Protein backbone atom coordinates (compact mmCIF):
# COMPACT_ATOMS: atom_id res chain seq x y z
CA MET A 1 -67.19 0.22 8.78
CA HIS A 2 -69.65 -0.17 11.61
CA TYR A 3 -72.48 -2.44 12.72
CA GLU A 4 -75.98 -1.19 11.93
CA ALA A 5 -78.96 -2.87 13.55
CA GLY A 6 -79.66 -6.49 12.82
CA ASP A 7 -79.23 -9.49 15.02
CA LYS A 8 -76.32 -10.56 17.18
CA HIS A 9 -75.98 -14.18 18.23
CA VAL A 10 -73.73 -15.72 20.85
CA VAL A 11 -73.15 -19.45 20.66
CA ARG A 12 -71.89 -21.23 23.75
CA GLY A 13 -71.04 -24.82 24.55
CA VAL A 14 -69.47 -25.74 21.22
CA ASN A 15 -66.89 -28.51 21.44
CA PRO A 16 -63.71 -27.11 19.81
CA ASP A 17 -62.67 -30.65 18.82
CA MET A 18 -65.83 -30.94 16.72
CA TRP A 19 -65.76 -27.39 15.31
CA SER A 20 -65.56 -26.83 11.55
CA TYR A 21 -66.68 -24.43 8.87
CA SER A 22 -69.66 -26.65 8.01
CA LYS A 23 -70.63 -26.80 11.72
CA ALA A 24 -70.54 -22.98 11.83
CA LEU A 25 -72.80 -22.75 8.77
CA GLY A 26 -75.18 -25.23 10.36
CA ILE A 27 -75.43 -23.02 13.44
CA VAL A 28 -76.05 -19.94 11.29
CA ARG A 29 -78.83 -21.75 9.44
CA GLU A 30 -80.45 -22.63 12.78
CA PHE A 31 -80.95 -18.86 13.16
CA LYS A 32 -83.10 -19.05 9.99
CA TYR A 33 -80.65 -17.44 7.55
CA ASP A 34 -81.12 -18.88 4.08
CA GLY A 35 -79.32 -18.53 0.79
CA GLU A 36 -75.67 -17.62 0.46
CA VAL A 37 -74.14 -17.00 3.84
CA LYS A 38 -70.80 -15.42 4.70
CA VAL A 39 -69.55 -15.69 8.26
CA TRP A 40 -67.32 -13.02 9.75
CA TRP A 41 -66.01 -12.71 13.28
CA LYS A 42 -63.76 -10.43 15.26
CA PRO A 43 -61.94 -10.75 18.56
CA LYS A 44 -63.84 -9.23 21.48
CA LYS A 45 -61.52 -6.20 21.65
CA GLY A 46 -61.00 -6.08 17.88
CA ARG A 47 -62.03 -3.18 15.69
CA MET A 48 -64.64 -3.42 12.94
CA ASP A 49 -62.47 -1.44 10.52
CA LYS A 50 -59.41 -3.69 10.68
CA ASP A 51 -59.94 -6.86 12.72
CA LEU A 52 -62.84 -8.65 10.98
CA ARG A 53 -61.94 -12.14 9.85
CA GLN A 54 -63.91 -14.13 7.32
CA MET A 55 -64.58 -17.78 8.01
CA SER A 56 -64.61 -19.70 4.73
CA VAL A 57 -62.67 -22.93 5.38
CA ASP A 58 -61.99 -25.26 8.30
CA MET A 59 -58.64 -23.56 9.09
CA ASP A 60 -60.53 -20.29 9.68
CA ALA A 61 -62.93 -22.11 12.00
CA LEU A 62 -59.97 -23.55 13.94
CA GLU A 63 -58.52 -20.05 14.34
CA LEU A 64 -61.82 -18.93 15.88
CA ALA A 65 -61.95 -22.02 18.11
CA ASN A 66 -58.40 -21.33 19.35
CA TYR A 67 -59.31 -17.71 20.06
CA ALA A 68 -62.54 -18.58 21.86
C-alpha cells in the first residue's frame, strides 16, 4: 500500500479535551469532502503497509489525540 497523489491536510491547534470522532469528521468536511467519509491516520514514523489506523469511534479519536 502506498499514497498516490491527492491532498494532505495538517490540522493544528485542536484542543485534545474537545476532540472526538464527530469533531474529526467536521474538520474533514471543512475540506469539502462530501458523502461517506472514512478517516485513517498513521504515526509520523509509521508505515503505510502496517501502521494505518482507522478512526471510527471516539476511542479511536482519543488514541490519535494521545499520540499527537
